[in-house]
């Protein structure tokens, strides 16, 4: 007997609530395109799983219960889906059903008490200080692309920016006198971060060469801090490519991506200052627990502090 063909696209009554939720996240919460795409992907996958289950034909987003969600999560576990992926899916469901509650379309949140498989938290990878110095040690005086790229790399490491935060920067976000940068982070939240002198010098040099790329900019990109030779605001994808190019050109053995420079900034700042709250503010983390992962990065440093400070760290002869 042949199996019924599964639908790969949700019907309108399943898709419309998702679209309403995404509209809310984009225009009222200011979520990034990447976050919106992730929410859409997670919710559509759950919707299709329920929609294509013959036993659940009568269900929809407004009648789906915790039992069906538990069964779906168990199916994912048995299929070997990573705990972190399952956690993303549950987080999307919780937010989505909270939205439906707020819209008076549901009385409960069936995803609220779903239990999650425990996932090992990976330590973020970062460059050593010597590696960062080597990466940034190239001449950009006469090359416009090198000038722009050096300003980008310096700024990533100087201020710990996310990739989306960097590409969305405008020239007027820089306070040259106070050496501060206005950043629009996740959830459209604004924060001020310091900028180091070397990064400011690199930006100034780039701005002196920027007119060659800015003659034909669209009105929306007129103030963009970083632009491409295609005469538009630089894209996140382009930045990733340029970061990888310079890592290869400077002889770094590991794969380098923009977030690794943010991790390097965080771990080096924490190693030097031991001020977790300050690093949390600089990174724009909503929760201190997100920042605390960096406390595990330098065991050697912590061991030295312990050995020198603890009265019983070493045996007396």
Protein backbone atom coordinates (compact mmCIF):
# COMPACT_ATOMS: atom_id res chain seq x y z
CA UNK A 1 0.00 0.00 0.00
CA UNK A 2 1.45 3.37 -0.98
CA UNK A 3 1.88 6.05 1.69
CA UNK A 4 -0.11 9.26 1.28
CA UNK A 5 1.98 12.02 -0.27
CA UNK A 6 3.08 14.57 2.29
CA UNK A 7 2.54 18.26 1.70
CA UNK A 8 5.67 20.42 1.67
CA UNK A 9 3.85 23.73 1.94
CA UNK A 10 1.53 24.77 4.76
CA UNK A 11 -2.05 25.69 4.00
CA UNK A 12 -3.09 29.32 4.46
CA UNK A 13 -4.80 28.73 7.81
CA UNK A 14 -1.53 27.26 9.18
CA UNK A 15 0.79 29.80 7.52
CA UNK A 16 -1.14 33.01 8.25
CA UNK A 17 -0.61 32.95 12.05
CA UNK A 18 3.12 32.46 11.44
CA UNK A 19 3.17 35.42 9.05
CA UNK A 20 1.35 37.58 11.62
CA UNK A 21 3.89 36.59 14.27
CA UNK A 22 6.86 37.39 12.01
CA UNK A 23 5.34 40.76 11.12
CA UNK A 24 5.09 41.54 14.85
CA UNK A 25 8.71 40.51 15.47
CA UNK A 26 10.00 42.56 12.56
CA UNK A 27 8.08 45.80 12.93
CA UNK A 28 7.32 45.96 16.66
CA UNK A 29 10.32 44.13 18.16
CA UNK A 30 12.94 45.01 15.53
CA UNK A 31 14.29 41.47 15.10
CA UNK A 32 16.99 40.86 12.51
CA UNK A 33 16.42 39.07 9.20
CA UNK A 34 18.41 36.06 10.38
CA UNK A 35 16.30 35.70 13.54
CA UNK A 36 13.07 36.04 11.56
CA UNK A 37 14.23 33.38 9.10
CA UNK A 38 15.06 31.05 11.99
CA UNK A 39 11.64 31.51 13.61
CA UNK A 40 9.90 30.93 10.29
CA UNK A 41 11.90 27.77 9.59
CA UNK A 42 11.29 26.26 13.04
CA UNK A 43 7.56 26.98 13.07
CA UNK A 44 6.98 25.77 9.52
CA UNK A 45 8.76 22.50 10.30
CA UNK A 46 6.53 21.88 13.32
CA UNK A 47 3.44 22.94 11.36
CA UNK A 48 4.22 20.55 8.52
CA UNK A 49 4.86 17.69 10.94
CA UNK A 50 1.42 18.16 12.51
CA UNK A 51 -0.31 19.00 9.24
CA UNK A 52 0.95 15.80 7.59
CA UNK A 53 0.11 13.48 10.50
CA UNK A 54 -3.11 11.56 9.60
CA UNK A 55 -4.06 11.35 13.31
CA UNK A 56 -3.91 15.13 13.73
CA UNK A 57 -5.83 16.26 10.65
CA UNK A 58 -8.33 18.28 12.70
CA UNK A 59 -5.71 20.24 14.64
CA UNK A 60 -4.41 23.77 14.02
CA UNK A 61 -2.27 26.31 15.88
CA UNK A 62 -5.23 27.23 18.08
CA UNK A 63 -6.09 23.66 19.17
CA UNK A 64 -2.64 22.03 19.28
CA UNK A 65 -1.90 20.68 22.76
CA UNK A 66 1.19 19.85 24.80
CA UNK A 67 0.78 16.11 24.16
CA UNK A 68 1.20 16.53 20.41
CA UNK A 69 4.20 18.82 20.89
CA UNK A 70 5.81 16.30 23.25
CA UNK A 71 5.33 13.58 20.67
CA UNK A 72 6.91 15.77 18.00
CA UNK A 73 9.92 16.54 20.24
CA UNK A 74 10.36 12.84 21.05
CA UNK A 75 10.32 12.07 17.33
CA UNK A 76 13.13 14.57 16.82
CA UNK A 77 15.15 13.02 19.66
CA UNK A 78 14.76 9.53 18.21
CA UNK A 79 15.83 10.84 14.81
CA UNK A 80 19.10 12.02 16.35
CA UNK A 81 18.42 15.75 16.05
CA UNK A 82 20.90 17.75 18.13
CA UNK A 83 19.65 19.06 21.50
CA UNK A 84 20.53 22.63 20.53
CA UNK A 85 18.35 22.39 17.39
CA UNK A 86 15.45 21.06 19.45
CA UNK A 87 15.92 23.87 21.96
CA UNK A 88 15.70 26.43 19.14
CA UNK A 89 12.46 24.87 17.97
CA UNK A 90 10.92 24.92 21.47
CA UNK A 91 12.02 28.52 22.03
CA UNK A 92 10.31 29.52 18.77
CA UNK A 93 7.13 27.67 19.79
CA UNK A 94 7.05 29.31 23.22
CA UNK A 95 7.36 32.78 21.73
CA UNK A 96 4.80 32.01 19.04
CA UNK A 97 2.16 30.68 21.43
CA UNK A 98 2.76 33.63 23.78
CA UNK A 99 1.99 35.87 20.83
CA UNK A 100 -1.23 33.95 20.13
CA UNK A 101 -2.17 34.33 23.80
CA UNK A 102 -1.59 38.07 23.65
CA UNK A 103 -3.80 38.20 20.56
CA UNK A 104 -6.56 36.36 22.49
CA UNK A 105 -6.36 33.47 20.01
CA UNK A 106 -5.36 30.96 22.69
CA UNK A 107 -5.85 30.72 26.44
CA UNK A 108 -2.69 28.72 27.12
CA UNK A 109 0.87 28.14 25.93
CA UNK A 110 1.30 24.40 25.25
CA UNK A 111 5.07 24.77 24.73
CA UNK A 112 5.71 26.48 28.06
CA UNK A 113 6.57 23.36 30.06
CA UNK A 114 8.16 21.17 27.42
CA UNK A 115 11.30 19.52 28.79
CA UNK A 116 14.45 19.96 26.75
CA UNK A 117 17.37 17.59 26.27
CA UNK A 118 20.50 18.92 27.92
CA UNK A 119 23.04 20.22 25.45
CA UNK A 120 26.73 20.60 26.12
CA UNK A 121 27.60 24.26 25.82
CA UNK A 122 30.50 24.75 23.46
CA UNK A 123 33.11 27.24 24.46
CA UNK A 124 33.40 29.99 21.88
CA UNK A 125 36.61 29.85 19.89
CA UNK A 126 38.84 32.88 19.91
CA UNK A 127 42.20 34.09 18.64
CA UNK A 128 45.20 34.62 20.87
CA UNK A 129 46.32 38.23 21.22
CA UNK A 130 49.42 37.56 19.10
CA UNK A 131 47.19 36.12 16.35
CA UNK A 132 44.97 39.23 16.40
CA UNK A 133 48.02 41.48 16.14
CA UNK A 134 49.34 39.42 13.22
CA UNK A 135 45.95 39.53 11.46
CA UNK A 136 45.79 43.32 11.71
CA UNK A 137 49.41 43.91 10.74
CA UNK A 138 49.05 44.77 7.04
CA UNK A 139 49.55 47.95 5.04
CA UNK A 140 46.33 49.63 3.93
CA UNK A 141 47.68 53.06 3.06
CA UNK A 142 47.21 52.97 -0.73
CA UNK A 143 44.55 50.29 -1.31
CA UNK A 144 40.90 51.27 -0.88
CA UNK A 145 39.67 47.72 -0.24
CA UNK A 146 42.47 47.04 2.23
CA UNK A 147 41.69 50.35 3.93
CA UNK A 148 38.00 49.46 4.32
CA UNK A 149 38.74 45.91 5.45
CA UNK A 150 41.28 47.00 8.04
CA UNK A 151 38.74 49.42 9.50
CA UNK A 152 36.20 46.56 9.66
CA UNK A 153 38.62 44.14 11.34
CA UNK A 154 39.86 46.76 13.79
CA UNK A 155 36.30 47.70 14.72
CA UNK A 156 35.21 44.08 15.26
CA UNK A 157 38.05 43.54 17.69
CA UNK A 158 37.97 47.01 19.24
CA UNK A 159 34.28 47.01 20.17
CA UNK A 160 33.05 43.40 20.03
CA UNK A 161 30.33 44.05 17.48
CA UNK A 162 28.01 41.47 15.99
CA UNK A 163 28.14 41.15 12.21
CA UNK A 164 24.65 42.64 11.71
CA UNK A 165 25.54 45.53 14.00
CA UNK A 166 28.63 46.37 11.97
CA UNK A 167 27.02 46.31 8.53
CA UNK A 168 24.17 48.54 9.76
CA UNK A 169 26.48 51.26 11.12
CA UNK A 170 26.20 54.79 9.77
CA UNK A 171 28.87 57.48 9.74
CA UNK A 172 26.93 59.61 12.21
CA UNK A 173 26.92 56.75 14.75
CA UNK A 174 30.50 57.67 15.65
CA UNK A 175 31.15 60.22 18.40
CA UNK A 176 34.73 61.19 17.54
CA UNK A 177 35.20 63.44 20.55
CA UNK A 178 34.04 60.90 23.14
CA UNK A 179 35.44 57.92 21.16
CA UNK A 180 32.08 56.17 21.34
CA UNK A 181 29.98 54.23 18.87
CA UNK A 182 26.18 54.04 18.87
CA UNK A 183 25.13 50.48 18.08
CA UNK A 184 21.66 49.09 17.37
CA UNK A 185 21.69 45.54 18.70
CA UNK A 186 19.22 42.68 19.00
CA UNK A 187 15.61 43.66 19.61
CA UNK A 188 16.40 47.14 18.26
CA UNK A 189 18.15 47.98 21.54
CA UNK A 190 20.68 50.81 21.43
CA UNK A 191 23.96 50.84 23.32
CA UNK A 192 27.11 52.94 23.37
CA UNK A 193 30.47 51.19 23.11
CA UNK A 194 34.00 52.60 23.27
CA UNK A 195 36.21 52.55 20.17
CA UNK A 196 39.99 52.20 20.44
CA UNK A 197 42.38 54.68 18.91
CA UNK A 198 43.75 52.23 16.35
CA UNK A 199 40.22 51.45 15.16
CA UNK A 200 39.36 55.15 14.95
CA UNK A 201 42.51 55.83 12.93
CA UNK A 202 41.64 52.98 10.56
CA UNK A 203 38.09 54.31 10.15
CA UNK A 204 39.35 57.83 9.46
CA UNK A 205 41.67 56.51 6.78
CA UNK A 206 38.84 54.52 5.21
CA UNK A 207 36.55 57.58 5.23
CA UNK A 208 39.20 59.56 3.36
CA UNK A 209 39.02 56.93 0.58
CA UNK A 210 35.30 56.13 0.83
CA UNK A 211 34.17 58.76 -1.79
CA UNK A 212 35.46 56.48 -4.57
CA UNK A 213 32.72 53.97 -3.61
CA UNK A 214 30.02 56.43 -2.52
CA UNK A 215 29.35 58.48 -5.68
CA UNK A 216 26.29 56.46 -6.74
CA UNK A 217 24.88 55.30 -3.41
CA UNK A 218 21.12 54.90 -3.06
CA UNK A 219 19.46 57.37 -0.71
CA UNK A 220 19.03 54.68 1.98
CA UNK A 221 22.79 53.96 1.94
CA UNK A 222 24.12 57.53 1.79
CA UNK A 223 25.30 57.46 5.41
CA UNK A 224 26.43 53.81 5.49
CA UNK A 225 29.81 53.58 7.19
CA UNK A 226 31.00 50.63 5.14
CA UNK A 227 30.14 50.39 1.44
CA UNK A 228 31.24 48.12 -1.39
CA UNK A 229 32.61 48.80 -4.84
CA UNK A 230 29.10 47.97 -6.10
CA UNK A 231 28.13 51.37 -4.60
CA UNK A 232 25.87 50.08 -1.82
CA UNK A 233 25.99 49.28 1.88
CA UNK A 234 28.27 46.31 2.43
CA UNK A 235 26.46 43.02 3.05
CA UNK A 236 27.04 40.54 5.87
CA UNK A 237 28.02 37.89 3.33
CA UNK A 238 30.64 40.18 1.79
CA UNK A 239 32.12 40.93 5.21
CA UNK A 240 32.41 37.21 5.99
CA UNK A 241 34.24 36.66 2.70
CA UNK A 242 36.66 39.53 3.32
CA UNK A 243 37.41 38.37 6.88
CA UNK A 244 38.23 34.87 5.58
CA UNK A 245 40.34 36.34 2.78
CA UNK A 246 42.49 38.34 5.20
CA UNK A 247 42.86 35.41 7.57
CA UNK A 248 44.21 33.32 4.69
CA UNK A 249 46.36 36.15 3.37
CA UNK A 250 47.86 36.76 6.83
CA UNK A 251 48.64 33.08 7.25
CA UNK A 252 46.22 32.18 10.05
CA UNK A 253 45.81 28.43 10.17
CA UNK A 254 42.22 28.41 11.50
CA UNK A 255 38.96 29.30 9.83
CA UNK A 256 38.11 32.86 10.82
CA UNK A 257 34.65 34.39 10.92
CA UNK A 258 33.44 37.75 12.30
CA UNK A 259 31.95 36.24 15.45
CA UNK A 260 35.37 34.83 16.39
CA UNK A 261 36.68 38.40 16.56
CA UNK A 262 33.77 39.27 18.88
CA UNK A 263 34.66 36.24 21.03
CA UNK A 264 38.30 37.31 21.05
CA UNK A 265 37.33 40.82 22.19
CA UNK A 266 35.18 39.40 25.00
CA UNK A 267 37.69 36.87 26.29
CA UNK A 268 40.63 39.30 26.18
CA UNK A 269 38.61 42.02 27.92
CA UNK A 270 37.47 39.64 30.64
CA UNK A 271 40.94 38.20 31.10
CA UNK A 272 42.36 41.68 31.66
CA UNK A 273 39.55 43.30 33.65
CA UNK A 274 37.78 40.39 35.41
CA UNK A 275 34.66 42.60 35.20
CA UNK A 276 31.88 40.35 33.94
CA UNK A 277 29.16 43.02 34.17
CA UNK A 278 31.15 45.50 32.11
CA UNK A 279 31.81 42.91 29.40
CA UNK A 280 28.09 42.06 29.42
CA UNK A 281 27.25 45.72 28.73
CA UNK A 282 29.86 46.01 26.00
CA UNK A 283 28.58 42.92 24.21
CA UNK A 284 24.92 43.89 24.56
CA UNK A 285 23.96 40.62 26.25
CA UNK A 286 20.50 40.71 27.82
CA UNK A 287 21.44 38.01 30.35
CA UNK A 288 24.62 37.66 32.39
CA UNK A 289 24.55 33.88 31.84
CA UNK A 290 25.32 34.47 28.15
CA UNK A 291 28.47 36.36 29.09
CA UNK A 292 29.54 33.87 31.76
CA UNK A 293 30.67 31.37 29.12
CA UNK A 294 33.76 33.53 28.67
CA UNK A 295 34.82 32.87 32.25
CA UNK A 296 35.81 29.36 31.15
CA UNK A 297 38.14 30.45 28.38
CA UNK A 298 41.42 31.01 30.16
CA UNK A 299 42.10 28.22 32.65
CA UNK A 300 45.81 29.05 32.77
CA UNK A 301 45.11 32.62 33.86
CA UNK A 302 42.64 31.49 36.52
CA UNK A 303 45.09 28.87 37.81
CA UNK A 304 47.83 31.51 38.16
CA UNK A 305 45.48 33.84 40.05
CA UNK A 306 44.49 30.98 42.35
CA UNK A 307 48.07 29.90 42.99
CA UNK A 308 49.19 33.42 43.81
CA UNK A 309 46.18 34.46 45.89
CA UNK A 310 44.86 31.43 47.80
CA UNK A 311 46.58 30.91 51.18
CA UNK A 312 46.47 27.13 50.85
CA UNK A 313 47.06 26.83 47.12
CA UNK A 314 50.62 25.55 47.56
CA UNK A 315 52.12 23.29 50.14
CA UNK A 316 54.67 24.90 52.42
CA UNK A 317 58.03 23.21 52.59
